[in-house]
């Protein structure tokens, strides 16, 4: 357990929030024009996939926030 505060946690949280906002805006802006004519079930699958895909790099990012290493 660390005893000293680190700058990585507040910076990491701000970066994570900013990245998620940018990701959400990009998806909300461009996805409807690409998949808008698809059947509802296909659109639902795409939005579920896009909603979960941002979690993939999150593990390494959280490790960096805690330890300063990417792995």
PDB file of N, CA and C in Angstrom:
ATOM      1  N   UNK A   1       0.847  -1.184   0.000  1.00  0.00           N
ATOM      2  CA  UNK A   1       0.000   0.000   0.000  1.00  0.00           C
ATOM      3  C   UNK A   1       0.887   1.239   0.000  1.00  0.00           C
ATOM      4  N   UNK A   2       0.578   2.166  -0.852  1.00  0.00           N
ATOM      5  CA  UNK A   2       1.403   3.375  -0.918  1.00  0.00           C
ATOM      6  C   UNK A   2       1.041   4.315   0.222  1.00  0.00           C
ATOM      7  N   UNK A   3       2.041   5.059   0.690  1.00  0.00           N
ATOM      8  CA  UNK A   3       1.818   5.998   1.795  1.00  0.00           C
ATOM      9  C   UNK A   3       1.790   7.440   1.325  1.00  0.00           C
ATOM     10  N   UNK A   4       2.371   7.696   0.157  1.00  0.00           N
ATOM     11  CA  UNK A   4       2.406   9.055  -0.378  1.00  0.00           C
ATOM     12  C   UNK A   4       1.388   9.205  -1.508  1.00  0.00           C
ATOM     13  N   UNK A   5       0.737  10.346  -1.586  1.00  0.00           N
ATOM     14  CA  UNK A   5      -0.186  10.560  -2.717  1.00  0.00           C
ATOM     15  C   UNK A   5       0.600  10.664  -4.021  1.00  0.00           C
ATOM     16  N   UNK A   6      -0.059  10.321  -5.101  1.00  0.00           N
ATOM     17  CA  UNK A   6       0.581  10.372  -6.413  1.00  0.00           C
ATOM     18  C   UNK A   6      -0.248  11.235  -7.360  1.00  0.00           C
ATOM     19  N   UNK A   7       0.423  11.879  -8.282  1.00  0.00           N
ATOM     20  CA  UNK A   7      -0.257  12.745  -9.249  1.00  0.00           C
ATOM     21  C   UNK A   7      -0.998  11.943 -10.294  1.00  0.00           C
ATOM     22  N   UNK A   8      -0.640  10.658 -10.464  1.00  0.00           N
ATOM     23  CA  UNK A   8      -1.233   9.850 -11.532  1.00  0.00           C
ATOM     24  C   UNK A   8      -2.734   9.613 -11.342  1.00  0.00           C
ATOM     25  N   UNK A   9      -3.196   9.518 -10.127  1.00  0.00           N
ATOM     26  CA  UNK A   9      -4.613   9.207  -9.916  1.00  0.00           C
ATOM     27  C   UNK A   9      -5.526  10.362 -10.340  1.00  0.00           C
ATOM     28  N   UNK A  10      -5.332  11.593  -9.854  1.00  0.00           N
ATOM     29  CA  UNK A  10      -6.228  12.661 -10.344  1.00  0.00           C
ATOM     30  C   UNK A  10      -6.062  12.943 -11.837  1.00  0.00           C
ATOM     31  N   UNK A  11      -4.830  12.886 -12.336  1.00  0.00           N
ATOM     32  CA  UNK A  11      -4.617  13.101 -13.773  1.00  0.00           C
ATOM     33  C   UNK A  11      -5.258  11.971 -14.568  1.00  0.00           C
ATOM     34  N   UNK A  12      -5.122  10.739 -14.086  1.00  0.00           N
ATOM     35  CA  UNK A  12      -5.722   9.601 -14.757  1.00  0.00           C
ATOM     36  C   UNK A  12      -7.234   9.664 -14.795  1.00  0.00           C
ATOM     37  N   UNK A  13      -7.830  10.077 -13.699  1.00  0.00           N
ATOM     38  CA  UNK A  13      -9.293  10.205 -13.664  1.00  0.00           C
ATOM     39  C   UNK A  13      -9.762  11.279 -14.632  1.00  0.00           C
ATOM     40  N   UNK A  14      -9.084  12.411 -14.640  1.00  0.00           N
ATOM     41  CA  UNK A  14      -9.464  13.476 -15.583  1.00  0.00           C
ATOM     42  C   UNK A  14      -9.274  13.029 -17.027  1.00  0.00           C
ATOM     43  N   UNK A  15      -8.181  12.328 -17.312  1.00  0.00           N
ATOM     44  CA  UNK A  15      -7.944  11.826 -18.666  1.00  0.00           C
ATOM     45  C   UNK A  15      -8.997  10.792 -19.058  1.00  0.00           C
ATOM     46  N   UNK A  16      -9.367   9.931 -18.126  1.00  0.00           N
ATOM     47  CA  UNK A  16     -10.388   8.917 -18.409  1.00  0.00           C
ATOM     48  C   UNK A  16     -11.737   9.565 -18.716  1.00  0.00           C
ATOM     49  N   UNK A  17     -12.132  10.531 -17.921  1.00  0.00           N
ATOM     50  CA  UNK A  17     -13.407  11.223 -18.159  1.00  0.00           C
ATOM     51  C   UNK A  17     -13.375  11.951 -19.499  1.00  0.00           C
ATOM     52  N   UNK A  18     -12.273  12.638 -19.782  1.00  0.00           N
ATOM     53  CA  UNK A  18     -12.158  13.354 -21.058  1.00  0.00           C
ATOM     54  C   UNK A  18     -12.200  12.388 -22.241  1.00  0.00           C
ATOM     55  N   UNK A  19     -11.486  11.273 -22.129  1.00  0.00           N
ATOM     56  CA  UNK A  19     -11.473  10.305 -23.221  1.00  0.00           C
ATOM     57  C   UNK A  19     -12.850   9.687 -23.438  1.00  0.00           C
ATOM     58  N   UNK A  20     -13.567   9.399 -22.354  1.00  0.00           N
ATOM     59  CA  UNK A  20     -14.911   8.834 -22.501  1.00  0.00           C
ATOM     60  C   UNK A  20     -15.879   9.839 -23.115  1.00  0.00           C
ATOM     61  N   UNK A  21     -15.748  11.099 -22.776  1.00  0.00           N
ATOM     62  CA  UNK A  21     -16.604  12.125 -23.378  1.00  0.00           C
ATOM     63  C   UNK A  21     -16.325  12.224 -24.881  1.00  0.00           C
ATOM     64  N   UNK A  22     -15.054  12.257 -25.246  1.00  0.00           N
ATOM     65  CA  UNK A  22     -14.695  12.322 -26.668  1.00  0.00           C
ATOM     66  C   UNK A  22     -15.206  11.084 -27.399  1.00  0.00           C
ATOM     67  N   UNK A  23     -15.012   9.909 -26.811  1.00  0.00           N
ATOM     68  CA  UNK A  23     -15.472   8.657 -27.417  1.00  0.00           C
ATOM     69  C   UNK A  23     -16.990   8.677 -27.605  1.00  0.00           C
ATOM     70  N   UNK A  24     -17.721   9.100 -26.579  1.00  0.00           N
ATOM     71  CA  UNK A  24     -19.185   9.139 -26.662  1.00  0.00           C
ATOM     72  C   UNK A  24     -19.655  10.120 -27.729  1.00  0.00           C
ATOM     73  N   UNK A  25     -19.023  11.274 -27.809  1.00  0.00           N
ATOM     74  CA  UNK A  25     -19.412  12.269 -28.817  1.00  0.00           C
ATOM     75  C   UNK A  25     -19.142  11.746 -30.221  1.00  0.00           C
ATOM     76  N   UNK A  26     -17.997  11.106 -30.422  1.00  0.00           N
ATOM     77  CA  UNK A  26     -17.673  10.555 -31.737  1.00  0.00           C
ATOM     78  C   UNK A  26     -18.675   9.469 -32.129  1.00  0.00           C
ATOM     79  N   UNK A  27     -18.984   8.587 -31.194  1.00  0.00           N
ATOM     80  CA  UNK A  27     -19.952   7.522 -31.486  1.00  0.00           C
ATOM     81  C   UNK A  27     -21.335   8.118 -31.762  1.00  0.00           C
ATOM     82  N   UNK A  28     -21.762   9.061 -30.935  1.00  0.00           N
ATOM     83  CA  UNK A  28     -23.082   9.662 -31.120  1.00  0.00           C
ATOM     84  C   UNK A  28     -23.163  10.468 -32.416  1.00  0.00           C
ATOM     85  N   UNK A  29     -22.043  11.001 -32.864  1.00  0.00           N
ATOM     86  CA  UNK A  29     -22.043  11.820 -34.074  1.00  0.00           C
ATOM     87  C   UNK A  29     -22.019  10.972 -35.350  1.00  0.00           C
ATOM     88  N   UNK A  30     -21.179   9.928 -35.362  1.00  0.00           N
ATOM     89  CA  UNK A  30     -20.943   9.199 -36.601  1.00  0.00           C
ATOM     90  C   UNK A  30     -21.664   7.863 -36.720  1.00  0.00           C
ATOM     91  N   UNK A  31     -21.958   7.198 -35.633  1.00  0.00           N
ATOM     92  CA  UNK A  31     -22.606   5.885 -35.717  1.00  0.00           C
ATOM     93  C   UNK A  31     -23.996   5.942 -36.356  1.00  0.00           C
ATOM     94  N   UNK A  32     -24.846   6.899 -36.004  1.00  0.00           N
ATOM     95  CA  UNK A  32     -26.181   6.908 -36.625  1.00  0.00           C
ATOM     96  C   UNK A  32     -26.147   7.058 -38.148  1.00  0.00           C
ATOM     97  N   UNK A  33     -25.204   7.811 -38.668  1.00  0.00           N
ATOM     98  CA  UNK A  33     -25.145   7.970 -40.122  1.00  0.00           C
ATOM     99  C   UNK A  33     -24.651   6.696 -40.811  1.00  0.00           C
ATOM    100  N   UNK A  34     -23.895   5.874 -40.094  1.00  0.00           N
ATOM    101  CA  UNK A  34     -23.381   4.632 -40.674  1.00  0.00           C
ATOM    102  C   UNK A  34     -24.392   3.503 -40.538  1.00  0.00           C
ATOM    103  N   UNK A  35     -25.027   3.373 -39.373  1.00  0.00           N
ATOM    104  CA  UNK A  35     -25.901   2.223 -39.117  1.00  0.00           C
ATOM    105  C   UNK A  35     -27.377   2.599 -39.015  1.00  0.00           C
ATOM    106  N   UNK A  36     -27.712   3.809 -39.370  1.00  0.00           N
ATOM    107  CA  UNK A  36     -29.085   4.282 -39.209  1.00  0.00           C
ATOM    108  C   UNK A  36     -30.136   3.526 -39.990  1.00  0.00           C
ATOM    109  N   UNK A  37     -29.764   2.939 -41.096  1.00  0.00           N
ATOM    110  CA  UNK A  37     -30.706   2.202 -41.941  1.00  0.00           C
ATOM    111  C   UNK A  37     -30.754   0.706 -41.630  1.00  0.00           C
ATOM    112  N   UNK A  38     -29.908   0.268 -40.728  1.00  0.00           N
ATOM    113  CA  UNK A  38     -29.859  -1.149 -40.372  1.00  0.00           C
ATOM    114  C   UNK A  38     -31.089  -1.535 -39.555  1.00  0.00           C
ATOM    115  N   UNK A  39     -31.394  -2.818 -39.460  1.00  0.00           N
ATOM    116  CA  UNK A  39     -32.496  -3.261 -38.584  1.00  0.00           C
ATOM    117  C   UNK A  39     -32.188  -2.928 -37.119  1.00  0.00           C
ATOM    118  N   UNK A  40     -33.226  -2.788 -36.339  1.00  0.00           N
ATOM    119  CA  UNK A  40     -33.068  -2.383 -34.939  1.00  0.00           C
ATOM    120  C   UNK A  40     -32.193  -3.362 -34.161  1.00  0.00           C
ATOM    121  N   UNK A  41     -32.352  -4.655 -34.410  1.00  0.00           N
ATOM    122  CA  UNK A  41     -31.558  -5.639 -33.673  1.00  0.00           C
ATOM    123  C   UNK A  41     -30.068  -5.484 -33.984  1.00  0.00           C
ATOM    124  N   UNK A  42     -29.723  -5.163 -35.220  1.00  0.00           N
ATOM    125  CA  UNK A  42     -28.320  -4.979 -35.596  1.00  0.00           C
ATOM    126  C   UNK A  42     -27.758  -3.699 -34.977  1.00  0.00           C
ATOM    127  N   UNK A  43     -28.566  -2.641 -34.973  1.00  0.00           N
ATOM    128  CA  UNK A  43     -28.135  -1.396 -34.331  1.00  0.00           C
ATOM    129  C   UNK A  43     -27.895  -1.613 -32.842  1.00  0.00           C
ATOM    130  N   UNK A  44     -28.783  -2.383 -32.218  1.00  0.00           N
ATOM    131  CA  UNK A  44     -28.643  -2.671 -30.798  1.00  0.00           C
ATOM    132  C   UNK A  44     -27.334  -3.399 -30.520  1.00  0.00           C
ATOM    133  N   UNK A  45     -27.014  -4.387 -31.334  1.00  0.00           N
ATOM    134  CA  UNK A  45     -25.760  -5.123 -31.154  1.00  0.00           C
ATOM    135  C   UNK A  45     -24.544  -4.218 -31.326  1.00  0.00           C
ATOM    136  N   UNK A  46     -24.593  -3.346 -32.315  1.00  0.00           N
ATOM    137  CA  UNK A  46     -23.471  -2.431 -32.548  1.00  0.00           C
ATOM    138  C   UNK A  46     -23.303  -1.486 -31.367  1.00  0.00           C
ATOM    139  N   UNK A  47     -24.396  -0.913 -30.866  1.00  0.00           N
ATOM    140  CA  UNK A  47     -24.285   0.009 -29.746  1.00  0.00           C
ATOM    141  C   UNK A  47     -23.837  -0.694 -28.464  1.00  0.00           C
ATOM    142  N   UNK A  48     -24.256  -1.940 -28.268  1.00  0.00           N
ATOM    143  CA  UNK A  48     -23.772  -2.706 -27.114  1.00  0.00           C
ATOM    144  C   UNK A  48     -22.270  -2.939 -27.247  1.00  0.00           C
ATOM    145  N   UNK A  49     -21.832  -3.338 -28.425  1.00  0.00           N
ATOM    146  CA  UNK A  49     -20.408  -3.553 -28.655  1.00  0.00           C
ATOM    147  C   UNK A  49     -19.609  -2.267 -28.443  1.00  0.00           C
ATOM    148  N   UNK A  50     -20.084  -1.171 -29.003  1.00  0.00           N
ATOM    149  CA  UNK A  50     -19.387   0.106 -28.834  1.00  0.00           C
ATOM    150  C   UNK A  50     -19.423   0.591 -27.386  1.00  0.00           C
ATOM    151  N   UNK A  51     -20.463   0.230 -26.652  1.00  0.00           N
ATOM    152  CA  UNK A  51     -20.558   0.618 -25.249  1.00  0.00           C
ATOM    153  C   UNK A  51     -19.631  -0.168 -24.346  1.00  0.00           C
ATOM    154  N   UNK A  52     -19.235  -1.357 -24.793  1.00  0.00           N
ATOM    155  CA  UNK A  52     -18.371  -2.205 -23.973  1.00  0.00           C
ATOM    156  C   UNK A  52     -16.906  -2.123 -24.407  1.00  0.00           C
ATOM    157  N   UNK A  53     -16.654  -1.718 -25.641  1.00  0.00           N
ATOM    158  CA  UNK A  53     -15.307  -1.762 -26.204  1.00  0.00           C
ATOM    159  C   UNK A  53     -14.319  -0.846 -25.474  1.00  0.00           C
ATOM    160  N   UNK A  54     -14.780   0.216 -24.868  1.00  0.00           N
ATOM    161  CA  UNK A  54     -13.864   1.129 -24.174  1.00  0.00           C
ATOM    162  C   UNK A  54     -13.296   0.514 -22.899  1.00  0.00           C
ATOM    163  N   UNK A  55     -13.897  -0.575 -22.420  1.00  0.00           N
ATOM    164  CA  UNK A  55     -13.416  -1.219 -21.195  1.00  0.00           C
ATOM    165  C   UNK A  55     -12.102  -1.956 -21.442  1.00  0.00           C
ATOM    166  N   UNK A  56     -11.876  -2.410 -22.660  1.00  0.00           N
ATOM    167  CA  UNK A  56     -10.698  -3.215 -22.973  1.00  0.00           C
ATOM    168  C   UNK A  56      -9.379  -2.563 -22.525  1.00  0.00           C
ATOM    169  N   UNK A  57      -9.082  -1.326 -22.898  1.00  0.00           N
ATOM    170  CA  UNK A  57      -7.808  -0.736 -22.465  1.00  0.00           C
ATOM    171  C   UNK A  57      -7.834  -0.206 -21.029  1.00  0.00           C
ATOM    172  N   UNK A  58      -8.963  -0.281 -20.369  1.00  0.00           N
ATOM    173  CA  UNK A  58      -9.092   0.310 -19.035  1.00  0.00           C
ATOM    174  C   UNK A  58      -8.214  -0.378 -17.992  1.00  0.00           C
ATOM    175  N   UNK A  59      -8.037  -1.696 -18.071  1.00  0.00           N
ATOM    176  CA  UNK A  59      -7.253  -2.426 -17.078  1.00  0.00           C
ATOM    177  C   UNK A  59      -5.821  -1.894 -17.002  1.00  0.00           C
ATOM    178  N   UNK A  60      -5.169  -1.784 -18.155  1.00  0.00           N
ATOM    179  CA  UNK A  60      -3.790  -1.282 -18.170  1.00  0.00           C
ATOM    180  C   UNK A  60      -3.713   0.159 -17.694  1.00  0.00           C
ATOM    181  N   UNK A  61      -4.707   0.954 -18.035  1.00  0.00           N
ATOM    182  CA  UNK A  61      -4.728   2.353 -17.602  1.00  0.00           C
ATOM    183  C   UNK A  61      -4.845   2.438 -16.084  1.00  0.00           C
ATOM    184  N   UNK A  62      -5.699   1.618 -15.487  1.00  0.00           N
ATOM    185  CA  UNK A  62      -5.846   1.617 -14.025  1.00  0.00           C
ATOM    186  C   UNK A  62      -4.583   1.111 -13.340  1.00  0.00           C
ATOM    187  N   UNK A  63      -3.911   0.131 -13.941  1.00  0.00           N
ATOM    188  CA  UNK A  63      -2.630  -0.330 -13.394  1.00  0.00           C
ATOM    189  C   UNK A  63      -1.615   0.808 -13.420  1.00  0.00           C
ATOM    190  N   UNK A  64      -1.575   1.561 -14.514  1.00  0.00           N
ATOM    191  CA  UNK A  64      -0.665   2.703 -14.591  1.00  0.00           C
ATOM    192  C   UNK A  64      -0.992   3.739 -13.513  1.00  0.00           C
ATOM    193  N   UNK A  65      -2.263   3.991 -13.315  1.00  0.00           N
ATOM    194  CA  UNK A  65      -2.647   4.968 -12.291  1.00  0.00           C
ATOM    195  C   UNK A  65      -2.158   4.541 -10.907  1.00  0.00           C
ATOM    196  N   UNK A  66      -2.187   3.275 -10.605  1.00  0.00           N
ATOM    197  CA  UNK A  66      -1.794   2.778  -9.288  1.00  0.00           C
ATOM    198  C   UNK A  66      -0.286   2.601  -9.130  1.00  0.00           C
ATOM    199  N   UNK A  67       0.383   2.091 -10.183  1.00  0.00           N
ATOM    200  CA  UNK A  67       1.783   1.692 -10.026  1.00  0.00           C
ATOM    201  C   UNK A  67       2.757   2.530 -10.826  1.00  0.00           C
ATOM    202  N   UNK A  68       2.319   3.173 -11.879  1.00  0.00           N
ATOM    203  CA  UNK A  68       3.224   3.899 -12.757  1.00  0.00           C
ATOM    204  C   UNK A  68       3.769   3.040 -13.873  1.00  0.00           C
ATOM    205  N   UNK A  69       3.384   1.752 -13.915  1.00  0.00           N
ATOM    206  CA  UNK A  69       3.805   0.843 -14.974  1.00  0.00           C
ATOM    207  C   UNK A  69       2.585   0.468 -15.808  1.00  0.00           C
ATOM    208  N   UNK A  70       2.792   0.135 -17.087  1.00  0.00           N
ATOM    209  CA  UNK A  70       1.677  -0.211 -17.967  1.00  0.00           C
ATOM    210  C   UNK A  70       1.312  -1.682 -17.932  1.00  0.00           C
ATOM    211  N   UNK A  71       2.079  -2.501 -17.281  1.00  0.00           N
ATOM    212  CA  UNK A  71       1.803  -3.934 -17.301  1.00  0.00           C
ATOM    213  C   UNK A  71       1.736  -4.562 -15.944  1.00  0.00           C
TER     214      UNK A  71
END
